[in-house]
Amino acid sequence: MHWNAAETDHPEWPTTIENYEAKSHVAHEVAKRLRDGDVVGVGSGSTSMLALRAIFDEARRQEWHFSAVTTSLEMAIACAELQVPTTTLLQERPDWSFDGTDEVDEALNMIKGRGGAMLREKLLLASSPERYILIDESKRVTKLGEKAPVPVEVIPEALQFVQSRLLEEFDVREIELRMAVAKDGPVVTEHGNVILEVTFANVTSELDVRLNCVPGVVGSGLFFGFQPTIISA
């Protein structure tokens, strides 16, 4: 039995989607990858929402079925509204996955985490044999950190310690706690943690390794070595 109030074939993004035409184009391109019975890893953000809708439309047109592993609550809700079955990495491995990104360099390294789901996003991409990143040209950079700070996910009780460690041992230009927009206080991630937005003087793969060695850091929005297939408009 389904919840009648939850049913819709076009869940909406809560704000205006920038570069809508370009994002819609790449969403329809990735939908062509769908095959009947696929387990699809679903990323977060407005581009991923458009892609999920396009994949749903493709499945309905072909009379196919697919299930989803989601990276965030908003995408799980969207799947529920579409009546797309969801599963978890505990149960199944995705056949392929897709996501957006905040920045991508020429070597296909990325900064992700604007939506606060980078830990699940990283785990999902690492678990997927095929990885698709959907971008418009504004996401391309020659060097990571040109446009976006690095999100660092931190256990709440370690916040002061991690801030101090970063300022003492890393070449930090700016650091601040990410605050929520429609609620009081900081953004809380899917796993109940907080996010530091950190601008580093130099963003490298070694930086990611060093960050992961700081007690209290759960992970960062640095994605090195994933070598995804880029679908761009």
C-alpha atoms as a PDB file:
ATOM      1  CA  MET A   1       0.000   0.000   0.000  1.00  0.00           C
ATOM      2  CA  HIS A   2       1.365   3.427  -0.989  1.00  0.00           C
ATOM      3  CA  TRP A   3       1.006   6.820   0.704  1.00  0.00           C
ATOM      4  CA  ASN A   4      -1.373   8.641  -1.644  1.00  0.00           C
ATOM      5  CA  ALA A   5      -0.070  12.093  -0.676  1.00  0.00           C
ATOM      6  CA  ALA A   6       3.480  11.209  -1.690  1.00  0.00           C
ATOM      7  CA  GLU A   7       2.796  10.314  -5.309  1.00  0.00           C
ATOM      8  CA  THR A   8       4.037  12.589  -8.114  1.00  0.00           C
ATOM      9  CA  ASP A   9       5.897  12.008 -11.342  1.00  0.00           C
ATOM     10  CA  HIS A  10       7.852  15.282 -11.147  1.00  0.00           C
ATOM     11  CA  PRO A  11       9.259  16.096  -7.695  1.00  0.00           C
ATOM     12  CA  GLU A  12      10.398  19.709  -7.634  1.00  0.00           C
ATOM     13  CA  TRP A  13      13.675  21.305  -6.525  1.00  0.00           C
ATOM     14  CA  PRO A  14      12.883  23.888  -3.807  1.00  0.00           C
ATOM     15  CA  THR A  15      14.756  26.778  -5.434  1.00  0.00           C
ATOM     16  CA  THR A  16      15.354  28.098  -8.936  1.00  0.00           C
ATOM     17  CA  ILE A  17      17.799  25.840 -10.791  1.00  0.00           C
ATOM     18  CA  GLU A  18      20.677  27.780 -12.325  1.00  0.00           C
ATOM     19  CA  ASN A  19      21.755  26.823 -15.874  1.00  0.00           C
ATOM     20  CA  TYR A  20      18.557  24.812 -16.172  1.00  0.00           C
ATOM     21  CA  GLU A  21      18.809  24.057 -19.893  1.00  0.00           C
ATOM     22  CA  ALA A  22      22.378  22.735 -19.627  1.00  0.00           C
ATOM     23  CA  LYS A  23      21.556  20.630 -16.573  1.00  0.00           C
ATOM     24  CA  SER A  24      18.423  19.265 -18.228  1.00  0.00           C
ATOM     25  CA  HIS A  25      20.491  18.271 -21.273  1.00  0.00           C
ATOM     26  CA  VAL A  26      23.039  16.244 -19.276  1.00  0.00           C
ATOM     27  CA  ALA A  27      20.214  14.704 -17.230  1.00  0.00           C
ATOM     28  CA  HIS A  28      18.634  13.284 -20.372  1.00  0.00           C
ATOM     29  CA  GLU A  29      22.024  12.110 -21.626  1.00  0.00           C
ATOM     30  CA  VAL A  30      22.744  10.033 -18.515  1.00  0.00           C
ATOM     31  CA  ALA A  31      19.224   8.586 -18.625  1.00  0.00           C
ATOM     32  CA  LYS A  32      20.240   6.792 -21.824  1.00  0.00           C
ATOM     33  CA  ARG A  33      22.526   4.569 -19.689  1.00  0.00           C
ATOM     34  CA  LEU A  34      19.559   2.941 -17.948  1.00  0.00           C
ATOM     35  CA  ARG A  35      18.838  -0.755 -18.510  1.00  0.00           C
ATOM     36  CA  ASP A  36      15.978  -2.820 -17.162  1.00  0.00           C
ATOM     37  CA  GLY A  37      16.638  -4.019 -13.611  1.00  0.00           C
ATOM     38  CA  ASP A  38      19.531  -1.633 -12.897  1.00  0.00           C
ATOM     39  CA  VAL A  39      20.491  -0.593  -9.390  1.00  0.00           C
ATOM     40  CA  VAL A  40      21.354   3.099  -9.832  1.00  0.00           C
ATOM     41  CA  GLY A  41      23.393   5.228  -7.444  1.00  0.00           C
ATOM     42  CA  VAL A  42      21.676   8.598  -7.143  1.00  0.00           C
ATOM     43  CA  GLY A  43      23.736  11.651  -6.223  1.00  0.00           C
ATOM     44  CA  SER A  44      22.570  14.871  -4.598  1.00  0.00           C
ATOM     45  CA  GLY A  45      21.768  18.374  -5.799  1.00  0.00           C
ATOM     46  CA  SER A  46      19.628  19.992  -8.455  1.00  0.00           C
ATOM     47  CA  THR A  47      21.368  18.298 -11.398  1.00  0.00           C
ATOM     48  CA  SER A  48      20.856  14.905  -9.790  1.00  0.00           C
ATOM     49  CA  MET A  49      17.184  15.708  -9.220  1.00  0.00           C
ATOM     50  CA  LEU A  50      16.751  16.455 -12.916  1.00  0.00           C
ATOM     51  CA  ALA A  51      18.629  13.268 -13.801  1.00  0.00           C
ATOM     52  CA  LEU A  52      16.466  11.151 -11.509  1.00  0.00           C
ATOM     53  CA  ARG A  53      13.355  12.549 -13.163  1.00  0.00           C
ATOM     54  CA  ALA A  54      14.793  11.862 -16.634  1.00  0.00           C
ATOM     55  CA  ILE A  55      15.728   8.290 -15.650  1.00  0.00           C
ATOM     56  CA  PHE A  56      12.239   7.749 -14.241  1.00  0.00           C
ATOM     57  CA  ASP A  57      10.704   9.012 -17.505  1.00  0.00           C
ATOM     58  CA  GLU A  58      12.976   6.707 -19.525  1.00  0.00           C
ATOM     59  CA  ALA A  59      12.043   3.703 -17.362  1.00  0.00           C
ATOM     60  CA  ARG A  60       8.346   4.465 -17.746  1.00  0.00           C
ATOM     61  CA  ARG A  61       8.684   4.889 -21.518  1.00  0.00           C
ATOM     62  CA  GLN A  62      10.528   1.560 -21.860  1.00  0.00           C
ATOM     63  CA  GLU A  63       8.325  -0.184 -19.270  1.00  0.00           C
ATOM     64  CA  TRP A  64      11.461  -0.963 -17.298  1.00  0.00           C
ATOM     65  CA  HIS A  65      12.096  -1.155 -13.568  1.00  0.00           C
ATOM     66  CA  PHE A  66      15.066   0.111 -11.567  1.00  0.00           C
ATOM     67  CA  SER A  67      15.962   0.690  -7.949  1.00  0.00           C
ATOM     68  CA  ALA A  68      18.053   3.419  -6.384  1.00  0.00           C
ATOM     69  CA  VAL A  69      20.721   3.855  -3.739  1.00  0.00           C
ATOM     70  CA  THR A  70      20.405   7.464  -2.605  1.00  0.00           C
ATOM     71  CA  THR A  71      22.981   9.760  -1.042  1.00  0.00           C
ATOM     72  CA  SER A  72      20.651  12.173   0.736  1.00  0.00           C
ATOM     73  CA  LEU A  73      17.265  12.504   2.370  1.00  0.00           C
ATOM     74  CA  GLU A  74      15.930  14.804  -0.343  1.00  0.00           C
ATOM     75  CA  MET A  75      16.707  12.231  -3.038  1.00  0.00           C
ATOM     76  CA  ALA A  76      15.172   9.431  -0.955  1.00  0.00           C
ATOM     77  CA  ILE A  77      12.014  11.543  -0.658  1.00  0.00           C
ATOM     78  CA  ALA A  78      12.056  12.161  -4.432  1.00  0.00           C
ATOM     79  CA  CYS A  79      12.299   8.407  -5.042  1.00  0.00           C
ATOM     80  CA  ALA A  80       9.373   7.838  -2.687  1.00  0.00           C
ATOM     81  CA  GLU A  81       7.303  10.411  -4.574  1.00  0.00           C
ATOM     82  CA  LEU A  82       8.151   8.674  -7.862  1.00  0.00           C
ATOM     83  CA  GLN A  83       7.557   5.245  -6.286  1.00  0.00           C
ATOM     84  CA  VAL A  84      11.081   4.203  -7.256  1.00  0.00           C
ATOM     85  CA  PRO A  85      12.204   1.407  -4.907  1.00  0.00           C
ATOM     86  CA  THR A  86      15.270   2.234  -2.838  1.00  0.00           C
ATOM     87  CA  THR A  87      17.920  -0.042  -1.406  1.00  0.00           C
ATOM     88  CA  THR A  88      21.222   0.415   0.429  1.00  0.00           C
ATOM     89  CA  LEU A  89      24.866  -0.477  -0.012  1.00  0.00           C
ATOM     90  CA  LEU A  90      24.379  -3.040   2.739  1.00  0.00           C
ATOM     91  CA  GLN A  91      22.047  -4.905   0.409  1.00  0.00           C
ATOM     92  CA  GLU A  92      23.175  -4.249  -3.163  1.00  0.00           C
ATOM     93  CA  ARG A  93      26.015  -2.798  -5.219  1.00  0.00           C
ATOM     94  CA  PRO A  94      25.023  -0.183  -7.817  1.00  0.00           C
ATOM     95  CA  ASP A  95      25.427  -1.079 -11.485  1.00  0.00           C
ATOM     96  CA  TRP A  96      26.311   2.572 -12.062  1.00  0.00           C
ATOM     97  CA  SER A  97      25.953   5.915 -10.354  1.00  0.00           C
ATOM     98  CA  PHE A  98      25.663   9.583 -11.223  1.00  0.00           C
ATOM     99  CA  ASP A  99      26.185  12.864  -9.416  1.00  0.00           C
ATOM    100  CA  GLY A 100      27.005  16.509  -9.936  1.00  0.00           C
ATOM    101  CA  THR A 101      30.053  18.365  -8.668  1.00  0.00           C
ATOM    102  CA  ASP A 102      31.140  21.800  -7.473  1.00  0.00           C
ATOM    103  CA  GLU A 103      34.457  21.778  -9.356  1.00  0.00           C
ATOM    104  CA  VAL A 104      36.288  19.369 -11.653  1.00  0.00           C
ATOM    105  CA  ASP A 105      39.836  19.827 -12.935  1.00  0.00           C
ATOM    106  CA  GLU A 106      41.525  18.565 -16.087  1.00  0.00           C
ATOM    107  CA  ALA A 107      42.613  15.349 -14.318  1.00  0.00           C
ATOM    108  CA  LEU A 108      38.976  14.661 -13.311  1.00  0.00           C
ATOM    109  CA  ASN A 109      39.609  15.382  -9.636  1.00  0.00           C
ATOM    110  CA  MET A 110      36.720  17.124  -7.891  1.00  0.00           C
ATOM    111  CA  ILE A 111      35.484  19.197  -5.008  1.00  0.00           C
ATOM    112  CA  LYS A 112      32.020  18.106  -3.907  1.00  0.00           C
ATOM    113  CA  GLY A 113      29.829  18.678  -0.885  1.00  0.00           C
ATOM    114  CA  ARG A 114      27.777  21.798  -1.490  1.00  0.00           C
ATOM    115  CA  GLY A 115      24.712  19.749  -0.546  1.00  0.00           C
ATOM    116  CA  GLY A 116      26.392  18.372   2.563  1.00  0.00           C
ATOM    117  CA  ALA A 117      26.273  14.721   1.454  1.00  0.00           C
ATOM    118  CA  MET A 118      29.895  14.218   0.395  1.00  0.00           C
ATOM    119  CA  LEU A 119      30.540  11.244   2.693  1.00  0.00           C
ATOM    120  CA  ARG A 120      27.718   9.203   1.166  1.00  0.00           C
ATOM    121  CA  GLU A 121      28.592  10.512  -2.298  1.00  0.00           C
ATOM    122  CA  LYS A 122      32.193   9.367  -1.938  1.00  0.00           C
ATOM    123  CA  LEU A 123      31.136   5.942  -0.671  1.00  0.00           C
ATOM    124  CA  LEU A 124      28.638   5.543  -3.507  1.00  0.00           C
ATOM    125  CA  LEU A 125      31.128   6.504  -6.225  1.00  0.00           C
ATOM    126  CA  ALA A 126      33.757   4.196  -4.740  1.00  0.00           C
ATOM    127  CA  SER A 127      31.227   1.350  -4.776  1.00  0.00           C
ATOM    128  CA  SER A 128      30.165   1.841  -8.405  1.00  0.00           C
ATOM    129  CA  PRO A 129      31.895   0.199 -11.366  1.00  0.00           C
ATOM    130  CA  GLU A 130      30.642   3.028 -13.619  1.00  0.00           C
ATOM    131  CA  ARG A 131      30.613   6.665 -12.442  1.00  0.00           C
ATOM    132  CA  TYR A 132      29.033   9.570 -14.292  1.00  0.00           C
ATOM    133  CA  ILE A 133      29.499  13.203 -13.298  1.00  0.00           C
ATOM    134  CA  LEU A 134      27.044  15.683 -14.787  1.00  0.00           C
ATOM    135  CA  ILE A 135      28.271  19.240 -15.293  1.00  0.00           C
ATOM    136  CA  ASP A 136      27.819  22.471 -17.136  1.00  0.00           C
ATOM    137  CA  GLU A 137      30.941  24.329 -18.195  1.00  0.00           C
ATOM    138  CA  SER A 138      30.914  26.570 -15.107  1.00  0.00           C
ATOM    139  CA  LYS A 139      32.143  23.585 -13.053  1.00  0.00           C
ATOM    140  CA  ARG A 140      35.436  23.191 -14.937  1.00  0.00           C
ATOM    141  CA  VAL A 141      38.575  24.627 -13.325  1.00  0.00           C
ATOM    142  CA  THR A 142      42.281  24.406 -14.074  1.00  0.00           C
ATOM    143  CA  LYS A 143      43.092  23.922 -10.387  1.00  0.00           C
ATOM    144  CA  LEU A 144      40.888  22.742  -7.537  1.00  0.00           C
ATOM    145  CA  GLY A 145      39.932  25.483  -5.124  1.00  0.00           C
ATOM    146  CA  GLU A 146      39.595  28.200  -7.748  1.00  0.00           C
ATOM    147  CA  LYS A 147      35.907  28.781  -7.039  1.00  0.00           C
ATOM    148  CA  ALA A 148      34.881  26.593  -4.114  1.00  0.00           C
ATOM    149  CA  PRO A 149      36.196  26.054  -0.589  1.00  0.00           C
ATOM    150  CA  VAL A 150      36.849  22.503   0.589  1.00  0.00           C
ATOM    151  CA  PRO A 151      34.041  21.117   2.771  1.00  0.00           C
ATOM    152  CA  VAL A 152      35.384  19.188   5.758  1.00  0.00           C
ATOM    153  CA  GLU A 153      32.897  17.022   7.667  1.00  0.00           C
ATOM    154  CA  VAL A 154      33.549  17.028  11.400  1.00  0.00           C
ATOM    155  CA  ILE A 155      32.099  15.234  14.421  1.00  0.00           C
ATOM    156  CA  PRO A 156      30.336  18.009  16.412  1.00  0.00           C
ATOM    157  CA  GLU A 157      32.259  17.524  19.653  1.00  0.00           C
ATOM    158  CA  ALA A 158      35.542  17.763  17.744  1.00  0.00           C
ATOM    159  CA  LEU A 159      34.697  21.102  16.103  1.00  0.00           C
ATOM    160  CA  GLN A 160      36.965  23.336  18.176  1.00  0.00           C
ATOM    161  CA  PHE A 161      39.817  20.832  18.117  1.00  0.00           C
ATOM    162  CA  VAL A 162      39.673  20.380  14.357  1.00  0.00           C
ATOM    163  CA  GLN A 163      39.498  24.121  13.707  1.00  0.00           C
ATOM    164  CA  SER A 164      42.562  24.653  15.895  1.00  0.00           C
ATOM    165  CA  ARG A 165      44.485  21.804  14.256  1.00  0.00           C
ATOM    166  CA  LEU A 166      43.730  23.078  10.765  1.00  0.00           C
ATOM    167  CA  LEU A 167      44.851  26.606  11.619  1.00  0.00           C
ATOM    168  CA  GLU A 168      48.025  25.376  13.324  1.00  0.00           C
ATOM    169  CA  GLU A 169      49.180  22.701  10.877  1.00  0.00           C
ATOM    170  CA  PHE A 170      47.668  23.556   7.468  1.00  0.00           C
ATOM    171  CA  ASP A 171      48.078  26.501   5.127  1.00  0.00           C
ATOM    172  CA  VAL A 172      44.572  27.874   5.652  1.00  0.00           C
ATOM    173  CA  ARG A 173      43.419  31.174   4.198  1.00  0.00           C
ATOM    174  CA  GLU A 174      39.890  31.102   5.560  1.00  0.00           C
ATOM    175  CA  ILE A 175      37.771  28.782   7.667  1.00  0.00           C
ATOM    176  CA  GLU A 176      34.158  29.009   8.761  1.00  0.00           C
ATOM    177  CA  LEU A 177      31.340  26.804   9.982  1.00  0.00           C
ATOM    178  CA  ARG A 178      28.665  26.275   7.325  1.00  0.00           C
ATOM    179  CA  MET A 179      25.417  27.731   8.608  1.00  0.00           C
ATOM    180  CA  ALA A 180      21.918  26.740   7.555  1.00  0.00           C
ATOM    181  CA  VAL A 181      19.636  29.061   5.590  1.00  0.00           C
ATOM    182  CA  ALA A 182      16.124  27.983   6.579  1.00  0.00           C
ATOM    183  CA  LYS A 183      16.915  26.905  10.146  1.00  0.00           C
ATOM    184  CA  ASP A 184      18.876  28.289  13.048  1.00  0.00           C
ATOM    185  CA  GLY A 185      22.394  27.015  13.611  1.00  0.00           C
ATOM    186  CA  PRO A 186      24.810  25.040  11.465  1.00  0.00           C
ATOM    187  CA  VAL A 187      24.092  22.656   8.612  1.00  0.00           C
ATOM    188  CA  VAL A 188      23.860  19.076   9.865  1.00  0.00           C
ATOM    189  CA  THR A 189      24.944  16.328   7.467  1.00  0.00           C
ATOM    190  CA  GLU A 190      23.196  13.044   6.702  1.00  0.00           C
ATOM    191  CA  HIS A 191      25.257  11.452   9.496  1.00  0.00           C
ATOM    192  CA  GLY A 192      24.670  14.157  12.105  1.00  0.00           C
ATOM    193  CA  ASN A 193      27.970  15.978  11.643  1.00  0.00           C
ATOM    194  CA  VAL A 194      28.849  19.604  10.885  1.00  0.00           C
ATOM    195  CA  ILE A 195      30.787  21.097   7.985  1.00  0.00           C
ATOM    196  CA  LEU A 196      33.737  23.450   7.957  1.00  0.00           C
ATOM    197  CA  GLU A 197      34.236  25.443   4.755  1.00  0.00           C
ATOM    198  CA  VAL A 198      38.011  25.758   4.375  1.00  0.00           C
ATOM    199  CA  THR A 199      39.961  27.735   1.793  1.00  0.00           C
ATOM    200  CA  PHE A 200      43.457  26.264   1.501  1.00  0.00           C
ATOM    201  CA  ALA A 201      46.422  27.916  -0.191  1.00  0.00           C
ATOM    202  CA  ASN A 202      47.019  24.760  -2.228  1.00  0.00           C
ATOM    203  CA  VAL A 203      44.653  21.843  -2.890  1.00  0.00           C
ATOM    204  CA  THR A 204      46.392  18.523  -3.609  1.00  0.00           C
ATOM    205  CA  SER A 205      45.825  14.816  -3.106  1.00  0.00           C
ATOM    206  CA  GLU A 206      48.256  14.977  -0.187  1.00  0.00           C
ATOM    207  CA  LEU A 207      45.935  17.497   1.464  1.00  0.00           C
ATOM    208  CA  ASP A 208      43.112  14.970   1.381  1.00  0.00           C
ATOM    209  CA  VAL A 209      45.314  12.342   3.036  1.00  0.00           C
ATOM    210  CA  ARG A 210      46.394  14.785   5.754  1.00  0.00           C
ATOM    211  CA  LEU A 211      42.834  15.895   6.466  1.00  0.00           C
ATOM    212  CA  ASN A 212      41.697  12.314   6.925  1.00  0.00           C
ATOM    213  CA  CYS A 213      44.396  11.841   9.567  1.00  0.00           C
ATOM    214  CA  VAL A 214      43.037  14.623  11.806  1.00  0.00           C
ATOM    215  CA  PRO A 215      41.024  13.093  14.683  1.00  0.00           C
ATOM    216  CA  GLY A 216      37.414  14.194  14.453  1.00  0.00           C
ATOM    217  CA  VAL A 217      37.440  14.659  10.676  1.00  0.00           C
ATOM    218  CA  VAL A 218      35.010  12.222   9.069  1.00  0.00           C
ATOM    219  CA  GLY A 219      35.997  13.104   5.532  1.00  0.00           C
ATOM    220  CA  SER A 220      36.409  15.920   3.051  1.00  0.00           C
ATOM    221  CA  GLY A 221      34.835  17.038  -0.189  1.00  0.00           C
ATOM    222  CA  LEU A 222      38.038  16.256  -2.091  1.00  0.00           C
ATOM    223  CA  PHE A 223      37.552  13.479  -4.649  1.00  0.00           C
ATOM    224  CA  PHE A 224      40.846  12.276  -6.080  1.00  0.00           C
ATOM    225  CA  GLY A 225      41.382   9.241  -8.300  1.00  0.00           C
ATOM    226  CA  PHE A 226      37.781   8.354  -9.128  1.00  0.00           C
ATOM    227  CA  GLN A 227      38.204   8.942 -12.877  1.00  0.00           C
ATOM    228  CA  PRO A 228      34.516   9.400 -13.654  1.00  0.00           C
ATOM    229  CA  THR A 229      32.977   9.753 -17.078  1.00  0.00           C
ATOM    230  CA  ILE A 230      32.076  13.419 -17.512  1.00  0.00           C
ATOM    231  CA  ILE A 231      28.808  14.286 -19.218  1.00  0.00           C
ATOM    232  CA  SER A 232      28.808  18.002 -19.978  1.00  0.00           C
ATOM    233  CA  ALA A 233      26.556  20.461 -21.746  1.00  0.00           C
END
